[in-house]
Amino acid sequence: MPCFLWAQDFALEQVESDRVEYQGSKIVFSGNVKVQYSLGTIVCEKAILTLAQKDKAEAKESLFGNLDFIVLEKDVKIHFPNGDRLLSDYADLNCKTMDAYFTAENPKRVEYFTTMTQGDKKML
């Protein structure tokens, strides 16, 4: 069900963190990671971006447009513009197949919170 994250207009806009490491085709962001993308904001402790293998000309166009996978670890929180939230411990996002897999360690659970609205008013 959470595959709605990967709509065609998904675009990674900015990534912030305390530390960043480049490991060949992977970029590892760790510590207070905040990912801004076209459908909301992701907050977690670690994000691993795996770059697609492209030729140099294509790769120069956009670093974030050339992703194969994104792995999110530890206290993953996804905030959507409409107020909805998804919480998990880990997330594997496949940029090629547009699939997302969320997991949580026992006794936690993957949780999705939605904001109830009536017209354009939020309800509690």
C-alpha atoms as a PDB file:
ATOM      1  CA  MET A   1       0.000   0.000   0.000  1.00  0.00           C
ATOM      2  CA  PRO A   2       2.668   2.661   0.785  1.00  0.00           C
ATOM      3  CA  CYS A   3       3.833   2.594  -2.846  1.00  0.00           C
ATOM      4  CA  PHE A   4       1.984   5.873  -3.406  1.00  0.00           C
ATOM      5  CA  LEU A   5       5.275   7.497  -2.386  1.00  0.00           C
ATOM      6  CA  TRP A   6       6.566   6.804  -5.856  1.00  0.00           C
ATOM      7  CA  ALA A   7       4.249   8.818  -8.071  1.00  0.00           C
ATOM      8  CA  GLN A   8       5.634   9.958 -11.410  1.00  0.00           C
ATOM      9  CA  ASP A   9       6.207  13.454 -10.044  1.00  0.00           C
ATOM     10  CA  PHE A  10       8.490  12.160  -7.263  1.00  0.00           C
ATOM     11  CA  ALA A  11      11.567  14.369  -7.204  1.00  0.00           C
ATOM     12  CA  LEU A  12      14.249  14.454  -4.533  1.00  0.00           C
ATOM     13  CA  GLU A  13      14.952  18.117  -3.828  1.00  0.00           C
ATOM     14  CA  GLN A  14      17.380  18.352  -0.895  1.00  0.00           C
ATOM     15  CA  VAL A  15      19.094  16.181   1.727  1.00  0.00           C
ATOM     16  CA  GLU A  16      20.509  17.525   5.009  1.00  0.00           C
ATOM     17  CA  SER A  17      22.442  15.611   7.676  1.00  0.00           C
ATOM     18  CA  ASP A  18      25.212  15.891  10.269  1.00  0.00           C
ATOM     19  CA  ARG A  19      27.571  13.689   8.215  1.00  0.00           C
ATOM     20  CA  VAL A  20      27.879  12.485   4.637  1.00  0.00           C
ATOM     21  CA  GLU A  21      30.130   9.798   3.144  1.00  0.00           C
ATOM     22  CA  TYR A  22      30.661   8.964  -0.509  1.00  0.00           C
ATOM     23  CA  GLN A  23      31.192   5.228  -1.058  1.00  0.00           C
ATOM     24  CA  GLY A  24      31.476   4.716  -4.801  1.00  0.00           C
ATOM     25  CA  SER A  25      27.927   4.454  -6.106  1.00  0.00           C
ATOM     26  CA  LYS A  26      26.448   5.125  -2.641  1.00  0.00           C
ATOM     27  CA  ILE A  27      26.024   8.317  -0.667  1.00  0.00           C
ATOM     28  CA  VAL A  28      25.463   7.756   3.067  1.00  0.00           C
ATOM     29  CA  PHE A  29      23.826  10.544   5.076  1.00  0.00           C
ATOM     30  CA  SER A  30      23.801  10.053   8.866  1.00  0.00           C
ATOM     31  CA  GLY A  31      22.704  11.958  11.939  1.00  0.00           C
ATOM     32  CA  ASN A  32      19.553  14.099  11.861  1.00  0.00           C
ATOM     33  CA  VAL A  33      18.783  13.310   8.229  1.00  0.00           C
ATOM     34  CA  LYS A  34      16.092  15.411   6.561  1.00  0.00           C
ATOM     35  CA  VAL A  35      15.061  14.644   2.990  1.00  0.00           C
ATOM     36  CA  GLN A  36      12.877  17.118   1.098  1.00  0.00           C
ATOM     37  CA  TYR A  37      11.066  15.700  -1.908  1.00  0.00           C
ATOM     38  CA  SER A  38       8.138  16.667  -4.073  1.00  0.00           C
ATOM     39  CA  LEU A  39       5.589  14.769  -1.965  1.00  0.00           C
ATOM     40  CA  GLY A  40       6.749  15.763   1.527  1.00  0.00           C
ATOM     41  CA  THR A  41       9.561  15.395   4.046  1.00  0.00           C
ATOM     42  CA  ILE A  42      11.405  12.331   5.360  1.00  0.00           C
ATOM     43  CA  VAL A  43      13.236  12.425   8.705  1.00  0.00           C
ATOM     44  CA  CYS A  44      15.474   9.575   9.923  1.00  0.00           C
ATOM     45  CA  GLU A  45      18.899   8.829  11.398  1.00  0.00           C
ATOM     46  CA  LYS A  46      20.473   7.318   8.274  1.00  0.00           C
ATOM     47  CA  ALA A  47      19.744   7.441   4.543  1.00  0.00           C
ATOM     48  CA  ILE A  48      21.701   5.495   1.932  1.00  0.00           C
ATOM     49  CA  LEU A  49      21.222   6.641  -1.659  1.00  0.00           C
ATOM     50  CA  THR A  50      22.410   4.222  -4.335  1.00  0.00           C
ATOM     51  CA  LEU A  51      23.133   5.940  -7.628  1.00  0.00           C
ATOM     52  CA  ALA A  52      22.173   4.379 -10.938  1.00  0.00           C
ATOM     53  CA  GLN A  53      25.063   3.455 -13.192  1.00  0.00           C
ATOM     54  CA  LYS A  54      24.831   6.019 -15.997  1.00  0.00           C
ATOM     55  CA  ASP A  55      27.311   7.474 -18.407  1.00  0.00           C
ATOM     56  CA  LYS A  56      29.043  10.698 -17.341  1.00  0.00           C
ATOM     57  CA  ALA A  57      26.906  12.968 -19.531  1.00  0.00           C
ATOM     58  CA  GLU A  58      23.656  11.649 -18.011  1.00  0.00           C
ATOM     59  CA  ALA A  59      25.033  11.683 -14.465  1.00  0.00           C
ATOM     60  CA  LYS A  60      25.903  15.388 -14.697  1.00  0.00           C
ATOM     61  CA  GLU A  61      22.266  16.327 -15.385  1.00  0.00           C
ATOM     62  CA  SER A  62      21.008  15.594 -11.876  1.00  0.00           C
ATOM     63  CA  LEU A  63      22.564  13.620  -9.048  1.00  0.00           C
ATOM     64  CA  PHE A  64      19.208  12.917  -7.391  1.00  0.00           C
ATOM     65  CA  GLY A  65      17.548  12.050 -10.701  1.00  0.00           C
ATOM     66  CA  ASN A  66      19.870   9.050 -11.047  1.00  0.00           C
ATOM     67  CA  LEU A  67      18.828   6.949  -8.045  1.00  0.00           C
ATOM     68  CA  ASP A  68      18.291   3.184  -8.020  1.00  0.00           C
ATOM     69  CA  PHE A  69      17.536   2.668  -4.319  1.00  0.00           C
ATOM     70  CA  ILE A  70      17.048   4.630  -1.106  1.00  0.00           C
ATOM     71  CA  VAL A  71      17.405   2.866   2.249  1.00  0.00           C
ATOM     72  CA  LEU A  72      16.167   4.687   5.359  1.00  0.00           C
ATOM     73  CA  GLU A  73      17.159   3.536   8.843  1.00  0.00           C
ATOM     74  CA  LYS A  74      16.234   4.279  12.455  1.00  0.00           C
ATOM     75  CA  ASP A  75      13.166   6.254  13.437  1.00  0.00           C
ATOM     76  CA  VAL A  76      11.866   6.882   9.905  1.00  0.00           C
ATOM     77  CA  LYS A  77       9.130   9.531   9.719  1.00  0.00           C
ATOM     78  CA  ILE A  78       7.510  10.570   6.468  1.00  0.00           C
ATOM     79  CA  HIS A  79       5.390  13.728   6.553  1.00  0.00           C
ATOM     80  CA  PHE A  80       3.032  14.454   3.661  1.00  0.00           C
ATOM     81  CA  PRO A  81       1.786  17.947   2.718  1.00  0.00           C
ATOM     82  CA  ASN A  82      -1.819  17.040   3.659  1.00  0.00           C
ATOM     83  CA  GLY A  83      -0.729  16.263   7.248  1.00  0.00           C
ATOM     84  CA  ASP A  84      -0.600  12.455   6.894  1.00  0.00           C
ATOM     85  CA  ARG A  85       2.392  10.655   8.456  1.00  0.00           C
ATOM     86  CA  LEU A  86       4.027   7.244   8.062  1.00  0.00           C
ATOM     87  CA  LEU A  87       6.296   5.915  10.841  1.00  0.00           C
ATOM     88  CA  SER A  88       8.648   2.915  10.684  1.00  0.00           C
ATOM     89  CA  ASP A  89      12.111   1.782  11.755  1.00  0.00           C
ATOM     90  CA  TYR A  90      13.364   0.974   8.255  1.00  0.00           C
ATOM     91  CA  ALA A  91      12.319   1.606   4.670  1.00  0.00           C
ATOM     92  CA  ASP A  92      13.621   0.235   1.365  1.00  0.00           C
ATOM     93  CA  LEU A  93      12.592   2.335  -1.616  1.00  0.00           C
ATOM     94  CA  ASN A  94      13.193   0.979  -5.113  1.00  0.00           C
ATOM     95  CA  CYS A  95      13.312   3.880  -7.567  1.00  0.00           C
ATOM     96  CA  LYS A  96      13.249   1.597 -10.637  1.00  0.00           C
ATOM     97  CA  THR A  97      10.173  -0.484  -9.794  1.00  0.00           C
ATOM     98  CA  MET A  98       8.507   2.249  -7.710  1.00  0.00           C
ATOM     99  CA  ASP A  99       8.066  -0.107  -4.741  1.00  0.00           C
ATOM    100  CA  ALA A 100       8.490   0.732  -1.064  1.00  0.00           C
ATOM    101  CA  TYR A 101       8.857  -1.709   1.836  1.00  0.00           C
ATOM    102  CA  PHE A 102       8.537  -0.515   5.447  1.00  0.00           C
ATOM    103  CA  THR A 103       9.445  -2.517   8.558  1.00  0.00           C
ATOM    104  CA  ALA A 104       9.587  -2.046  12.322  1.00  0.00           C
ATOM    105  CA  GLU A 105      11.247  -3.976  15.102  1.00  0.00           C
ATOM    106  CA  ASN A 106       9.048  -5.692  17.666  1.00  0.00           C
ATOM    107  CA  PRO A 107       7.187  -4.363  19.699  1.00  0.00           C
ATOM    108  CA  LYS A 108       6.920  -1.343  17.377  1.00  0.00           C
ATOM    109  CA  ARG A 109       4.784  -1.323  14.253  1.00  0.00           C
ATOM    110  CA  VAL A 110       4.690   0.471  10.961  1.00  0.00           C
ATOM    111  CA  GLU A 111       2.043   3.139  11.462  1.00  0.00           C
ATOM    112  CA  TYR A 112       0.180   5.414   9.070  1.00  0.00           C
ATOM    113  CA  PHE A 113      -1.713   8.416  10.408  1.00  0.00           C
ATOM    114  CA  THR A 114      -4.174  10.268   8.237  1.00  0.00           C
ATOM    115  CA  THR A 115      -5.720  13.661   8.783  1.00  0.00           C
ATOM    116  CA  MET A 116      -9.490  13.630   8.619  1.00  0.00           C
ATOM    117  CA  THR A 117     -10.955  16.525   6.683  1.00  0.00           C
ATOM    118  CA  GLN A 118     -14.393  17.790   5.897  1.00  0.00           C
ATOM    119  CA  GLY A 119     -14.194  19.997   2.829  1.00  0.00           C
ATOM    120  CA  ASP A 120     -11.062  22.035   3.368  1.00  0.00           C
ATOM    121  CA  LYS A 121     -11.245  21.938   7.191  1.00  0.00           C
ATOM    122  CA  LYS A 122      -9.185  19.544   9.311  1.00  0.00           C
ATOM    123  CA  MET A 123     -11.089  17.563  11.925  1.00  0.00           C
ATOM    124  CA  LEU A 124      -9.608  16.350  15.198  1.00  0.00           C
END
